[in-house]
């Protein structure tokens, strides 16, 4: 099984936008994204900090993306 890499907010946002998610709103440091098919997720924007592996795993579950697909998106 592939180990899940940690990424920062900007990297995860870039992946979400590439997958067709739109930034819908922001409340404080949390940014909300929605896909046209109804999937949603929230990213915390804390500059200088990486997202934890457990949070990345939860985001991947919400956007229905496997770890392998996530790693492929990272390499693009």
PDB file of N, CA and C in Angstrom:
ATOM      1  N   UNK A   1       0.843  -1.180   0.000  1.00  0.00           N
ATOM      2  CA  UNK A   1       0.000   0.000   0.000  1.00  0.00           C
ATOM      3  C   UNK A   1       0.889   1.246   0.000  1.00  0.00           C
ATOM      4  N   UNK A   2       0.531   2.202  -0.799  1.00  0.00           N
ATOM      5  CA  UNK A   2       1.295   3.434  -0.934  1.00  0.00           C
ATOM      6  C   UNK A   2       1.045   4.350   0.252  1.00  0.00           C
ATOM      7  N   UNK A   3       2.116   4.940   0.760  1.00  0.00           N
ATOM      8  CA  UNK A   3       1.978   5.875   1.869  1.00  0.00           C
ATOM      9  C   UNK A   3       1.418   7.197   1.343  1.00  0.00           C
ATOM     10  N   UNK A   4       0.476   7.746   2.061  1.00  0.00           N
ATOM     11  CA  UNK A   4      -0.175   8.985   1.670  1.00  0.00           C
ATOM     12  C   UNK A   4       0.737  10.170   1.977  1.00  0.00           C
ATOM     13  N   UNK A   5       1.114  10.964   0.971  1.00  0.00           N
ATOM     14  CA  UNK A   5       1.985  12.115   1.228  1.00  0.00           C
ATOM     15  C   UNK A   5       1.199  13.275   1.836  1.00  0.00           C
ATOM     16  N   UNK A   6       1.885  14.118   2.603  1.00  0.00           N
ATOM     17  CA  UNK A   6       1.253  15.328   3.113  1.00  0.00           C
ATOM     18  C   UNK A   6       1.490  16.457   2.114  1.00  0.00           C
ATOM     19  N   UNK A   7       0.529  17.333   1.995  1.00  0.00           N
ATOM     20  CA  UNK A   7       0.627  18.472   1.079  1.00  0.00           C
ATOM     21  C   UNK A   7       0.129  19.715   1.793  1.00  0.00           C
ATOM     22  N   UNK A   8       0.434  20.868   1.225  1.00  0.00           N
ATOM     23  CA  UNK A   8      -0.054  22.116   1.805  1.00  0.00           C
ATOM     24  C   UNK A   8      -1.372  22.523   1.145  1.00  0.00           C
ATOM     25  N   UNK A   9      -1.952  23.605   1.619  1.00  0.00           N
ATOM     26  CA  UNK A   9      -3.244  24.086   1.124  1.00  0.00           C
ATOM     27  C   UNK A   9      -3.200  24.370  -0.367  1.00  0.00           C
ATOM     28  N   UNK A  10      -2.158  25.070  -0.839  1.00  0.00           N
ATOM     29  CA  UNK A  10      -2.107  25.471  -2.245  1.00  0.00           C
ATOM     30  C   UNK A  10      -2.053  24.272  -3.179  1.00  0.00           C
ATOM     31  N   UNK A  11      -1.316  23.240  -2.804  1.00  0.00           N
ATOM     32  CA  UNK A  11      -1.229  22.042  -3.633  1.00  0.00           C
ATOM     33  C   UNK A  11      -2.579  21.343  -3.705  1.00  0.00           C
ATOM     34  N   UNK A  12      -3.244  21.190  -2.563  1.00  0.00           N
ATOM     35  CA  UNK A  12      -4.550  20.527  -2.548  1.00  0.00           C
ATOM     36  C   UNK A  12      -5.577  21.355  -3.302  1.00  0.00           C
ATOM     37  N   UNK A  13      -5.528  22.676  -3.178  1.00  0.00           N
ATOM     38  CA  UNK A  13      -6.457  23.533  -3.911  1.00  0.00           C
ATOM     39  C   UNK A  13      -6.249  23.385  -5.413  1.00  0.00           C
ATOM     40  N   UNK A  14      -5.000  23.331  -5.844  1.00  0.00           N
ATOM     41  CA  UNK A  14      -4.687  23.168  -7.266  1.00  0.00           C
ATOM     42  C   UNK A  14      -5.279  21.861  -7.802  1.00  0.00           C
ATOM     43  N   UNK A  15      -5.177  20.790  -7.019  1.00  0.00           N
ATOM     44  CA  UNK A  15      -5.741  19.502  -7.434  1.00  0.00           C
ATOM     45  C   UNK A  15      -7.259  19.588  -7.521  1.00  0.00           C
ATOM     46  N   UNK A  16      -7.892  20.200  -6.517  1.00  0.00           N
ATOM     47  CA  UNK A  16      -9.356  20.320  -6.537  1.00  0.00           C
ATOM     48  C   UNK A  16      -9.826  21.118  -7.746  1.00  0.00           C
ATOM     49  N   UNK A  17      -9.167  22.225  -8.039  1.00  0.00           N
ATOM     50  CA  UNK A  17      -9.567  23.047  -9.184  1.00  0.00           C
ATOM     51  C   UNK A  17      -9.371  22.293 -10.493  1.00  0.00           C
ATOM     52  N   UNK A  18      -8.306  21.501 -10.582  1.00  0.00           N
ATOM     53  CA  UNK A  18      -8.046  20.704 -11.789  1.00  0.00           C
ATOM     54  C   UNK A  18      -9.117  19.635 -11.976  1.00  0.00           C
ATOM     55  N   UNK A  19      -9.676  19.136 -10.863  1.00  0.00           N
ATOM     56  CA  UNK A  19     -10.711  18.105 -10.925  1.00  0.00           C
ATOM     57  C   UNK A  19     -12.103  18.680 -11.173  1.00  0.00           C
ATOM     58  N   UNK A  20     -12.229  19.994 -11.269  1.00  0.00           N
ATOM     59  CA  UNK A  20     -13.508  20.609 -11.590  1.00  0.00           C
ATOM     60  C   UNK A  20     -14.249  21.206 -10.408  1.00  0.00           C
ATOM     61  N   UNK A  21     -13.635  21.277  -9.247  1.00  0.00           N
ATOM     62  CA  UNK A  21     -14.271  21.895  -8.089  1.00  0.00           C
ATOM     63  C   UNK A  21     -14.160  23.407  -8.206  1.00  0.00           C
ATOM     64  N   UNK A  22     -15.164  24.099  -7.691  1.00  0.00           N
ATOM     65  CA  UNK A  22     -15.181  25.564  -7.677  1.00  0.00           C
ATOM     66  C   UNK A  22     -15.153  26.035  -6.225  1.00  0.00           C
ATOM     67  N   UNK A  23     -14.416  27.098  -6.000  1.00  0.00           N
ATOM     68  CA  UNK A  23     -14.365  27.712  -4.667  1.00  0.00           C
ATOM     69  C   UNK A  23     -15.680  28.456  -4.470  1.00  0.00           C
ATOM     70  N   UNK A  24     -16.504  28.027  -3.497  1.00  0.00           N
ATOM     71  CA  UNK A  24     -17.826  28.633  -3.351  1.00  0.00           C
ATOM     72  C   UNK A  24     -17.867  29.712  -2.291  1.00  0.00           C
ATOM     73  N   UNK A  25     -17.185  29.491  -1.169  1.00  0.00           N
ATOM     74  CA  UNK A  25     -17.204  30.505  -0.116  1.00  0.00           C
ATOM     75  C   UNK A  25     -16.067  30.239   0.855  1.00  0.00           C
ATOM     76  N   UNK A  26     -15.901  31.193   1.770  1.00  0.00           N
ATOM     77  CA  UNK A  26     -14.875  31.069   2.795  1.00  0.00           C
ATOM     78  C   UNK A  26     -15.413  31.623   4.099  1.00  0.00           C
ATOM     79  N   UNK A  27     -15.139  30.918   5.182  1.00  0.00           N
ATOM     80  CA  UNK A  27     -15.519  31.400   6.506  1.00  0.00           C
ATOM     81  C   UNK A  27     -14.276  31.290   7.381  1.00  0.00           C
ATOM     82  N   UNK A  28     -13.684  32.420   7.663  1.00  0.00           N
ATOM     83  CA  UNK A  28     -12.435  32.422   8.416  1.00  0.00           C
ATOM     84  C   UNK A  28     -11.327  31.829   7.575  1.00  0.00           C
ATOM     85  N   UNK A  29     -10.661  30.816   8.114  1.00  0.00           N
ATOM     86  CA  UNK A  29      -9.564  30.190   7.382  1.00  0.00           C
ATOM     87  C   UNK A  29     -10.002  28.935   6.644  1.00  0.00           C
ATOM     88  N   UNK A  30     -11.294  28.646   6.603  1.00  0.00           N
ATOM     89  CA  UNK A  30     -11.794  27.450   5.936  1.00  0.00           C
ATOM     90  C   UNK A  30     -12.456  27.814   4.616  1.00  0.00           C
ATOM     91  N   UNK A  31     -12.009  27.154   3.556  1.00  0.00           N
ATOM     92  CA  UNK A  31     -12.503  27.428   2.213  1.00  0.00           C
ATOM     93  C   UNK A  31     -13.358  26.244   1.766  1.00  0.00           C
ATOM     94  N   UNK A  32     -14.535  26.526   1.246  1.00  0.00           N
ATOM     95  CA  UNK A  32     -15.491  25.507   0.825  1.00  0.00           C
ATOM     96  C   UNK A  32     -15.464  25.359  -0.686  1.00  0.00           C
ATOM     97  N   UNK A  33     -15.463  24.106  -1.157  1.00  0.00           N
ATOM     98  CA  UNK A  33     -15.429  23.800  -2.591  1.00  0.00           C
ATOM     99  C   UNK A  33     -16.607  22.907  -2.933  1.00  0.00           C
ATOM    100  N   UNK A  34     -17.158  23.116  -4.133  1.00  0.00           N
ATOM    101  CA  UNK A  34     -18.287  22.320  -4.610  1.00  0.00           C
ATOM    102  C   UNK A  34     -18.037  21.926  -6.066  1.00  0.00           C
ATOM    103  N   UNK A  35     -18.388  20.682  -6.371  1.00  0.00           N
ATOM    104  CA  UNK A  35     -18.303  20.177  -7.739  1.00  0.00           C
ATOM    105  C   UNK A  35     -19.695  20.235  -8.334  1.00  0.00           C
ATOM    106  N   UNK A  36     -19.777  20.311  -9.642  1.00  0.00           N
ATOM    107  CA  UNK A  36     -21.082  20.426 -10.307  1.00  0.00           C
ATOM    108  C   UNK A  36     -21.964  19.206 -10.040  1.00  0.00           C
ATOM    109  N   UNK A  37     -21.357  18.035  -9.753  1.00  0.00           N
ATOM    110  CA  UNK A  37     -22.157  16.838  -9.485  1.00  0.00           C
ATOM    111  C   UNK A  37     -22.598  16.724  -8.024  1.00  0.00           C
ATOM    112  N   UNK A  38     -22.282  17.719  -7.191  1.00  0.00           N
ATOM    113  CA  UNK A  38     -22.771  17.755  -5.821  1.00  0.00           C
ATOM    114  C   UNK A  38     -21.756  17.430  -4.746  1.00  0.00           C
ATOM    115  N   UNK A  39     -20.589  16.923  -5.119  1.00  0.00           N
ATOM    116  CA  UNK A  39     -19.573  16.632  -4.106  1.00  0.00           C
ATOM    117  C   UNK A  39     -19.050  17.931  -3.505  1.00  0.00           C
ATOM    118  N   UNK A  40     -18.803  17.931  -2.197  1.00  0.00           N
ATOM    119  CA  UNK A  40     -18.285  19.123  -1.523  1.00  0.00           C
ATOM    120  C   UNK A  40     -17.156  18.724  -0.583  1.00  0.00           C
ATOM    121  N   UNK A  41     -16.312  19.678  -0.283  1.00  0.00           N
ATOM    122  CA  UNK A  41     -15.263  19.485   0.708  1.00  0.00           C
ATOM    123  C   UNK A  41     -14.829  20.841   1.255  1.00  0.00           C
ATOM    124  N   UNK A  42     -14.116  20.804   2.357  1.00  0.00           N
ATOM    125  CA  UNK A  42     -13.630  22.011   3.013  1.00  0.00           C
ATOM    126  C   UNK A  42     -12.138  21.859   3.260  1.00  0.00           C
ATOM    127  N   UNK A  43     -11.380  22.924   2.963  1.00  0.00           N
ATOM    128  CA  UNK A  43      -9.942  22.933   3.217  1.00  0.00           C
ATOM    129  C   UNK A  43      -9.605  24.030   4.211  1.00  0.00           C
ATOM    130  N   UNK A  44      -8.814  23.715   5.233  1.00  0.00           N
ATOM    131  CA  UNK A  44      -8.332  24.771   6.124  1.00  0.00           C
ATOM    132  C   UNK A  44      -7.127  25.455   5.497  1.00  0.00           C
ATOM    133  N   UNK A  45      -7.123  26.768   5.482  1.00  0.00           N
ATOM    134  CA  UNK A  45      -6.009  27.524   4.904  1.00  0.00           C
ATOM    135  C   UNK A  45      -5.162  28.083   6.044  1.00  0.00           C
ATOM    136  N   UNK A  46      -4.170  27.290   6.455  1.00  0.00           N
ATOM    137  CA  UNK A  46      -3.262  27.686   7.518  1.00  0.00           C
ATOM    138  C   UNK A  46      -1.866  27.784   6.906  1.00  0.00           C
ATOM    139  N   UNK A  47      -1.435  28.979   6.495  1.00  0.00           N
ATOM    140  CA  UNK A  47      -0.144  29.136   5.815  1.00  0.00           C
ATOM    141  C   UNK A  47       1.017  28.577   6.640  1.00  0.00           C
ATOM    142  N   UNK A  48       1.918  27.900   5.944  1.00  0.00           N
ATOM    143  CA  UNK A  48       3.096  27.350   6.590  1.00  0.00           C
ATOM    144  C   UNK A  48       2.892  25.985   7.209  1.00  0.00           C
ATOM    145  N   UNK A  49       1.688  25.440   7.130  1.00  0.00           N
ATOM    146  CA  UNK A  49       1.407  24.124   7.706  1.00  0.00           C
ATOM    147  C   UNK A  49       0.884  23.190   6.637  1.00  0.00           C
ATOM    148  N   UNK A  50       1.333  21.945   6.672  1.00  0.00           N
ATOM    149  CA  UNK A  50       0.798  20.920   5.788  1.00  0.00           C
ATOM    150  C   UNK A  50      -0.487  20.361   6.364  1.00  0.00           C
ATOM    151  N   UNK A  51      -1.338  19.830   5.481  1.00  0.00           N
ATOM    152  CA  UNK A  51      -2.549  19.153   5.918  1.00  0.00           C
ATOM    153  C   UNK A  51      -2.140  17.788   6.481  1.00  0.00           C
ATOM    154  N   UNK A  52      -2.768  17.347   7.539  1.00  0.00           N
ATOM    155  CA  UNK A  52      -2.430  16.054   8.132  1.00  0.00           C
ATOM    156  C   UNK A  52      -2.905  14.923   7.218  1.00  0.00           C
ATOM    157  N   UNK A  53      -2.300  13.766   7.379  1.00  0.00           N
ATOM    158  CA  UNK A  53      -2.680  12.609   6.557  1.00  0.00           C
ATOM    159  C   UNK A  53      -4.136  12.225   6.801  1.00  0.00           C
ATOM    160  N   UNK A  54      -4.584  12.303   8.044  1.00  0.00           N
ATOM    161  CA  UNK A  54      -5.970  11.940   8.326  1.00  0.00           C
ATOM    162  C   UNK A  54      -6.943  12.911   7.664  1.00  0.00           C
ATOM    163  N   UNK A  55      -6.602  14.190   7.621  1.00  0.00           N
ATOM    164  CA  UNK A  55      -7.457  15.179   6.958  1.00  0.00           C
ATOM    165  C   UNK A  55      -7.447  14.960   5.445  1.00  0.00           C
ATOM    166  N   UNK A  56      -6.286  14.664   4.881  1.00  0.00           N
ATOM    167  CA  UNK A  56      -6.210  14.393   3.436  1.00  0.00           C
ATOM    168  C   UNK A  56      -7.044  13.165   3.097  1.00  0.00           C
ATOM    169  N   UNK A  57      -6.964  12.131   3.933  1.00  0.00           N
ATOM    170  CA  UNK A  57      -7.750  10.914   3.706  1.00  0.00           C
ATOM    171  C   UNK A  57      -9.249  11.234   3.733  1.00  0.00           C
ATOM    172  N   UNK A  58      -9.680  12.090   4.669  1.00  0.00           N
ATOM    173  CA  UNK A  58     -11.091  12.489   4.762  1.00  0.00           C
ATOM    174  C   UNK A  58     -11.517  13.288   3.524  1.00  0.00           C
ATOM    175  N   UNK A  59     -10.658  14.198   3.066  1.00  0.00           N
ATOM    176  CA  UNK A  59     -10.963  14.986   1.867  1.00  0.00           C
ATOM    177  C   UNK A  59     -11.079  14.075   0.653  1.00  0.00           C
ATOM    178  N   UNK A  60     -10.163  13.108   0.523  1.00  0.00           N
ATOM    179  CA  UNK A  60     -10.213  12.168  -0.604  1.00  0.00           C
ATOM    180  C   UNK A  60     -11.494  11.345  -0.567  1.00  0.00           C
ATOM    181  N   UNK A  61     -11.939  10.974   0.627  1.00  0.00           N
ATOM    182  CA  UNK A  61     -13.197  10.238   0.750  1.00  0.00           C
ATOM    183  C   UNK A  61     -14.373  11.108   0.307  1.00  0.00           C
ATOM    184  N   UNK A  62     -14.364  12.380   0.714  1.00  0.00           N
ATOM    185  CA  UNK A  62     -15.454  13.289   0.352  1.00  0.00           C
ATOM    186  C   UNK A  62     -15.516  13.547  -1.147  1.00  0.00           C
ATOM    187  N   UNK A  63     -14.351  13.640  -1.805  1.00  0.00           N
ATOM    188  CA  UNK A  63     -14.347  13.939  -3.243  1.00  0.00           C
ATOM    189  C   UNK A  63     -14.278  12.677  -4.090  1.00  0.00           C
ATOM    190  N   UNK A  64     -14.333  11.498  -3.422  1.00  0.00           N
ATOM    191  CA  UNK A  64     -14.360  10.199  -4.087  1.00  0.00           C
ATOM    192  C   UNK A  64     -13.147   9.997  -4.996  1.00  0.00           C
ATOM    193  N   UNK A  65     -11.961  10.173  -4.422  1.00  0.00           N
ATOM    194  CA  UNK A  65     -10.699  10.016  -5.136  1.00  0.00           C
ATOM    195  C   UNK A  65      -9.838   9.022  -4.365  1.00  0.00           C
ATOM    196  N   UNK A  66      -9.267   8.033  -5.070  1.00  0.00           N
ATOM    197  CA  UNK A  66      -8.424   7.051  -4.391  1.00  0.00           C
ATOM    198  C   UNK A  66      -7.031   7.636  -4.136  1.00  0.00           C
ATOM    199  N   UNK A  67      -6.283   6.968  -3.275  1.00  0.00           N
ATOM    200  CA  UNK A  67      -4.923   7.414  -2.971  1.00  0.00           C
ATOM    201  C   UNK A  67      -4.051   7.347  -4.218  1.00  0.00           C
ATOM    202  N   UNK A  68      -4.239   6.309  -5.036  1.00  0.00           N
ATOM    203  CA  UNK A  68      -3.457   6.170  -6.270  1.00  0.00           C
ATOM    204  C   UNK A  68      -3.772   7.316  -7.240  1.00  0.00           C
ATOM    205  N   UNK A  69      -5.056   7.655  -7.369  1.00  0.00           N
ATOM    206  CA  UNK A  69      -5.442   8.772  -8.237  1.00  0.00           C
ATOM    207  C   UNK A  69      -4.880  10.083  -7.699  1.00  0.00           C
ATOM    208  N   UNK A  70      -4.878  10.240  -6.377  1.00  0.00           N
ATOM    209  CA  UNK A  70      -4.317  11.431  -5.746  1.00  0.00           C
ATOM    210  C   UNK A  70      -2.838  11.550  -6.048  1.00  0.00           C
ATOM    211  N   UNK A  71      -2.094  10.443  -5.925  1.00  0.00           N
ATOM    212  CA  UNK A  71      -0.659  10.460  -6.238  1.00  0.00           C
ATOM    213  C   UNK A  71      -0.415  10.790  -7.698  1.00  0.00           C
ATOM    214  N   UNK A  72      -1.258  10.290  -8.601  1.00  0.00           N
ATOM    215  CA  UNK A  72      -1.132  10.630 -10.024  1.00  0.00           C
ATOM    216  C   UNK A  72      -1.365  12.112 -10.254  1.00  0.00           C
ATOM    217  N   UNK A  73      -2.350  12.687  -9.573  1.00  0.00           N
ATOM    218  CA  UNK A  73      -2.618  14.119  -9.698  1.00  0.00           C
ATOM    219  C   UNK A  73      -1.455  14.955  -9.163  1.00  0.00           C
ATOM    220  N   UNK A  74      -0.803  14.475  -8.118  1.00  0.00           N
ATOM    221  CA  UNK A  74       0.346  15.185  -7.563  1.00  0.00           C
ATOM    222  C   UNK A  74       1.503  15.248  -8.556  1.00  0.00           C
ATOM    223  N   UNK A  75       1.663  14.209  -9.350  1.00  0.00           N
ATOM    224  CA  UNK A  75       2.793  14.142 -10.278  1.00  0.00           C
ATOM    225  C   UNK A  75       2.544  14.917 -11.558  1.00  0.00           C
ATOM    226  N   UNK A  76       1.328  15.392 -11.786  1.00  0.00           N
ATOM    227  CA  UNK A  76       1.034  16.174 -12.994  1.00  0.00           C
ATOM    228  C   UNK A  76       1.538  17.581 -12.836  1.00  0.00           C
TER     229      UNK A  76
END
